[in-house]
Protein backbone atom coordinates (compact mmCIF):
# COMPACT_ATOMS: atom_id res chain seq x y z
CA UNK A 1 5.69 43.29 45.89
CA UNK A 2 3.80 40.05 45.90
CA UNK A 3 1.34 39.55 43.05
CA UNK A 4 -1.62 37.31 43.64
CA UNK A 5 -2.68 34.87 41.02
CA UNK A 6 -6.26 35.68 40.27
CA UNK A 7 -6.81 32.15 38.95
CA UNK A 8 -5.62 30.44 42.02
CA UNK A 9 -8.23 29.19 44.49
CA UNK A 10 -5.99 27.24 46.72
CA UNK A 11 -2.92 28.16 48.76
CA UNK A 12 -0.62 25.20 49.14
CA UNK A 13 1.24 24.49 52.40
CA UNK A 14 4.76 25.94 52.18
CA UNK A 15 7.71 23.54 52.14
CA UNK A 16 7.96 22.44 55.71
CA UNK A 17 9.84 20.11 58.12
CA UNK A 18 8.48 19.73 61.68
CA UNK A 19 5.55 18.73 63.78
CA UNK A 20 2.07 18.15 62.39
CA UNK A 21 -1.24 16.70 63.64
CA UNK A 22 -3.95 14.70 61.80
CA UNK A 23 -7.14 16.66 61.75
CA UNK A 24 -9.24 14.78 59.19
CA UNK A 25 -9.77 11.49 57.35
CA UNK A 26 -11.90 12.52 54.39
CA UNK A 27 -15.07 10.77 53.45
CA UNK A 28 -14.79 8.21 50.70
CA UNK A 29 -15.34 9.52 47.14
CA UNK A 30 -15.05 8.02 43.74
CA UNK A 31 -11.94 8.92 41.58
CA UNK A 32 -10.62 7.61 38.38
CA UNK A 33 -7.23 5.86 38.57
CA UNK A 34 -5.08 3.55 36.37
CA UNK A 35 -7.15 0.67 37.85
CA UNK A 36 -10.48 2.26 37.01
CA UNK A 37 -12.88 3.98 39.30
CA UNK A 38 -12.09 3.57 42.96
CA UNK A 39 -13.33 4.87 46.30
CA UNK A 40 -10.52 6.83 47.88
CA UNK A 41 -9.87 9.08 50.88
CA UNK A 42 -7.01 11.29 52.14
CA UNK A 43 -5.58 12.14 55.60
CA UNK A 44 -5.24 15.80 56.37
CA UNK A 45 -2.57 17.25 58.53
CA UNK A 46 -2.36 20.62 60.19
CA UNK A 47 1.34 21.69 60.29
CA UNK A 48 3.00 23.92 62.79
CA UNK A 49 2.84 26.96 60.68
CA UNK A 50 0.20 29.73 60.84
CA UNK A 51 -1.59 31.52 58.00
CA UNK A 52 -2.15 35.25 58.13
CA UNK A 53 -5.66 34.70 59.36
CA UNK A 54 -4.41 32.72 62.39
CA UNK A 55 -5.42 29.29 61.07
CA UNK A 56 -2.73 26.67 60.28
CA UNK A 57 -1.57 25.48 56.87
CA UNK A 58 -2.85 21.99 56.01
CA UNK A 59 -1.44 19.33 53.75
CA UNK A 60 -3.14 16.30 52.26
CA UNK A 61 -1.79 12.84 51.94
CA UNK A 62 -1.78 10.93 48.65
CA UNK A 63 -5.04 9.22 47.91
CA UNK A 64 -5.64 5.93 49.61
CA UNK A 65 -8.22 3.23 49.23
CA UNK A 66 -9.75 1.64 52.43
CA UNK A 67 -7.49 -1.40 52.12
CA UNK A 68 -4.82 -2.74 54.55
CA UNK A 69 -3.11 -5.14 52.16
CA UNK A 70 0.67 -5.26 52.43
CA UNK A 71 1.21 -3.18 49.31
CA UNK A 72 -1.62 -0.72 49.85
CA UNK A 73 -0.93 3.04 50.28
CA UNK A 74 -2.84 2.94 53.60
CA UNK A 75 -0.66 0.24 55.04
CA UNK A 76 2.54 2.06 53.98
CA UNK A 77 1.23 5.31 55.48
CA UNK A 78 0.38 3.78 58.74
CA UNK A 79 3.64 1.96 58.94
CA UNK A 80 5.45 5.30 58.61
CA UNK A 81 3.12 7.11 61.04
CA UNK A 82 3.49 4.52 63.74
CA UNK A 83 7.13 3.68 63.04
CA UNK A 84 6.24 -0.03 62.77
CA UNK A 85 3.80 -2.43 61.11
CA UNK A 86 0.47 -3.12 62.75
CA UNK A 87 -0.13 -6.41 64.59
CA UNK A 88 -2.71 -8.80 63.25
CA UNK A 89 -5.32 -7.88 65.95
CA UNK A 90 -4.68 -4.16 65.09
CA UNK A 91 -5.14 -4.85 61.44
CA UNK A 92 -8.34 -6.81 62.04
CA UNK A 93 -9.91 -3.96 64.06
CA UNK A 94 -8.37 -0.87 62.55
CA UNK A 95 -10.58 2.19 62.31
CA UNK A 96 -9.21 5.27 60.65
CA UNK A 97 -10.92 7.52 63.23
CA UNK A 98 -8.14 6.59 65.75
CA UNK A 99 -5.80 8.68 63.57
CA UNK A 100 -7.60 11.98 64.37
CA UNK A 101 -5.46 14.06 66.82
CA UNK A 102 -2.41 11.92 66.21
CA UNK A 103 0.84 13.87 65.99
CA UNK A 104 3.64 13.22 63.52
CA UNK A 105 6.81 14.75 62.01
CA UNK A 106 6.32 15.66 58.37
CA UNK A 107 8.50 16.73 55.48
CA UNK A 108 6.55 18.74 52.92
CA UNK A 109 8.06 19.38 49.52
CA UNK A 110 6.73 21.27 46.51
CA UNK A 111 6.18 20.18 43.01
CA UNK A 112 5.87 22.84 40.34
CA UNK A 113 3.87 21.92 37.23
CA UNK A 114 2.03 23.91 34.51
CA UNK A 115 2.27 27.12 36.54
CA UNK A 116 0.80 25.47 39.70
CA UNK A 117 2.47 24.57 42.98
CA UNK A 118 1.52 21.31 44.72
CA UNK A 119 2.49 20.35 48.35
CA UNK A 120 3.33 16.72 48.76
CA UNK A 121 4.24 14.77 51.94
CA UNK A 122 7.71 13.45 51.32
CA UNK A 123 8.13 11.87 54.71
CA UNK A 124 5.90 11.08 57.69
CA UNK A 125 7.45 9.67 60.85
CA UNK A 126 6.25 9.29 64.59
CA UNK A 127 6.48 12.26 66.83
CA UNK A 128 8.79 11.22 69.68
CA UNK A 129 9.17 14.68 71.26
CA UNK A 130 6.74 13.86 74.13
CA UNK A 131 4.89 17.06 73.29
CA UNK A 132 3.11 16.47 69.98
CA UNK A 133 1.23 19.28 68.23
CA UNK A 134 -2.37 19.60 69.07
CA UNK A 135 -5.23 20.47 66.63
CA UNK A 136 -5.86 24.20 66.46
CA UNK A 137 -9.72 23.66 66.57
CA UNK A 138 -10.06 25.83 63.50
CA UNK A 139 -10.23 23.09 60.89
CA UNK A 140 -13.67 21.75 60.14
CA UNK A 141 -13.74 18.17 58.96
CA UNK A 142 -15.15 17.66 55.48
CA UNK A 143 -17.99 15.40 56.70
CA UNK A 144 -19.19 18.23 58.97
CA UNK A 145 -19.14 20.96 56.16
CA UNK A 146 -22.28 21.98 54.28
CA UNK A 147 -22.14 21.22 50.46
CA UNK A 148 -20.20 24.01 48.78
CA UNK A 149 -21.80 23.45 45.40
CA UNK A 150 -25.34 22.70 46.26
CA UNK A 151 -26.89 19.46 47.37
CA UNK A 152 -26.06 16.53 45.09
CA UNK A 153 -23.77 18.59 42.94
CA UNK A 154 -20.21 17.62 42.38
CA UNK A 155 -17.32 19.94 43.26
CA UNK A 156 -15.33 21.33 40.35
CA UNK A 157 -12.86 18.94 38.53
CA UNK A 158 -9.51 18.87 40.45
CA UNK A 159 -11.07 20.08 43.68
CA UNK A 160 -12.15 17.45 46.15
CA UNK A 161 -14.43 18.75 48.87
CA UNK A 162 -11.99 21.48 49.69
CA UNK A 163 -8.67 19.88 48.71
CA UNK A 164 -6.87 19.65 45.42
CA UNK A 165 -5.46 16.52 44.05
CA UNK A 166 -1.62 16.50 43.61
CA UNK A 167 -0.79 16.00 39.99
CA UNK A 168 1.06 13.08 38.72
CA UNK A 169 4.72 14.03 38.31
CA UNK A 170 6.01 14.14 34.75
CA UNK A 171 8.57 11.76 33.52
CA UNK A 172 11.30 14.31 33.87
CA UNK A 173 13.42 12.36 36.40
CA UNK A 174 15.48 10.63 33.78
CA UNK A 175 18.10 8.58 35.63
CA UNK A 176 17.89 10.60 38.77
CA UNK A 177 17.40 7.51 40.94
CA UNK A 178 20.79 6.33 39.75
CA UNK A 179 22.31 9.27 41.65
CA UNK A 180 24.99 8.19 44.08
CA UNK A 181 24.80 9.12 47.74
CA UNK A 182 27.79 11.16 48.93
CA UNK A 183 26.74 11.82 52.47
CA UNK A 184 26.18 9.76 55.62
CA UNK A 185 26.18 5.93 56.08
CA UNK A 186 24.82 5.22 52.56
CA UNK A 187 27.71 6.85 50.74
CA UNK A 188 28.42 5.08 47.45
CA UNK A 189 24.98 3.60 47.08
CA UNK A 190 22.41 4.80 44.47
CA UNK A 191 19.14 6.39 45.60
CA UNK A 192 17.18 3.46 44.04
CA UNK A 193 19.19 1.03 46.21
CA UNK A 194 17.95 2.51 49.42
CA UNK A 195 14.85 1.53 51.40
CA UNK A 196 11.99 4.05 51.74
CA UNK A 197 13.03 4.62 55.35
CA UNK A 198 16.62 5.45 54.33
CA UNK A 199 15.45 7.87 51.57
CA UNK A 200 13.01 9.44 54.11
CA UNK A 201 15.74 9.93 56.52
CA UNK A 202 17.85 11.82 53.96
CA UNK A 203 14.87 13.89 53.01
CA UNK A 204 14.09 14.80 56.62
CA UNK A 205 17.60 15.25 57.93
CA UNK A 206 19.86 16.23 55.03
CA UNK A 207 17.69 17.83 52.37
CA UNK A 208 16.56 20.94 54.29
CA UNK A 209 20.11 21.77 55.32
CA UNK A 210 21.34 21.21 51.75
CA UNK A 211 18.66 23.48 50.33
CA UNK A 212 19.54 26.23 52.77
CA UNK A 213 23.25 26.10 51.59
CA UNK A 214 23.86 29.13 49.41
CA UNK A 215 26.63 27.36 47.51
CA UNK A 216 25.75 23.70 47.02
CA UNK A 217 28.19 21.47 45.29
CA UNK A 218 27.33 19.71 41.98
CA UNK A 219 26.91 16.42 43.91
CA UNK A 220 24.58 18.22 46.38
CA UNK A 221 22.53 19.57 43.49
CA UNK A 222 22.15 16.12 41.91
CA UNK A 223 21.26 14.42 45.15
CA UNK A 224 18.70 17.14 46.00
CA UNK A 225 17.00 16.75 42.59
CA UNK A 226 16.97 12.92 43.08
CA UNK A 227 15.45 13.13 46.49
CA UNK A 228 12.85 15.55 45.40
CA UNK A 229 12.03 13.47 42.34
CA UNK A 230 11.68 10.40 44.63
CA UNK A 231 9.42 12.30 47.02
CA UNK A 232 7.13 13.45 44.33
CA UNK A 233 6.99 9.99 42.79
CA UNK A 234 6.16 8.40 46.13
CA UNK A 235 3.59 11.08 46.94
CA UNK A 236 1.65 10.27 43.71
CA UNK A 237 2.24 6.52 43.74
CA UNK A 238 -1.02 4.65 43.17
CA UNK A 239 0.57 1.33 43.73
CA UNK A 240 -1.62 -1.80 43.91
CA UNK A 241 -4.62 -0.56 45.90
CA UNK A 242 -6.84 -3.40 44.78
CA UNK A 243 -6.47 -5.29 48.01
CA UNK A 244 -9.17 -6.77 50.28
CA UNK A 245 -10.99 -3.90 52.06
CA UNK A 246 -10.96 -3.72 55.81
C-alpha cells in the first residue's frame, strides 16, 4: 500500500535514463546565491515517462545565469547538450529559445535529504538516435501561465513558479571522489581524476546496470556512491556565474 505524504506538493521525476526533450526555458527571477542576489533561470525537460494522468514527468536543470563565459553553468550545459562547444558566431548570437523542442539523452538521479526527494540531472548528452523525443504538448511554459499566487505576489519559498529548487547536497561525501575506478578504460584512476565527460559516461552507461544488480560487490557499492555524490555535487554547483551576460 502506497501512503501519500500530505505535506508533499511536488512529485519529483523518477530516476531515469533515456530520451528527453526541452519544453521550457524559465523566465529570469532573482535568487540568493553565494555570490549574492542573481537573476537565474532553469531549463525544463520532459522525459519519456508518463504520469498516471497521461502527462510526462519533467525535470529541471540546475539554476543558471544568462552568461556564456567559459566557466558559466549555461556554457557547460550547452556544451553537454550539443556535444561540442559553441563557435564564436554562435556564442555572439545565442538565444535560449532555440533550445525549445531540442532532444537529449538524460540521466536523472535522486538525492534524499530531510525527508524529501530531489531529482537532479546527472548527465545530459546529445540525442543521436535520429528519432528524438517530441514535446507532448501538455506542458505549459511558465511565461504563459497565470500567476498562481495573485498578481505581484511571490511564490512560496522553495517553489519557483511551479518548480522546486534542488537543495545543496550536504558534505557527506567524505573522500568518495578518491574512489578508484574498477571498470572500463579508466580502471585504476580515481573519480576526481576523470573529466566530466568520463564521469558522465560512467553514470549513463555503467551506473544503471550496477544499481540493477541484486548483489553488487563492495567495489561496486563504493563506485556507485561516488558517482551519485559527484552527480549531486555537479547538479548543485553554482560555480562562477558572474561572467559577462550575453
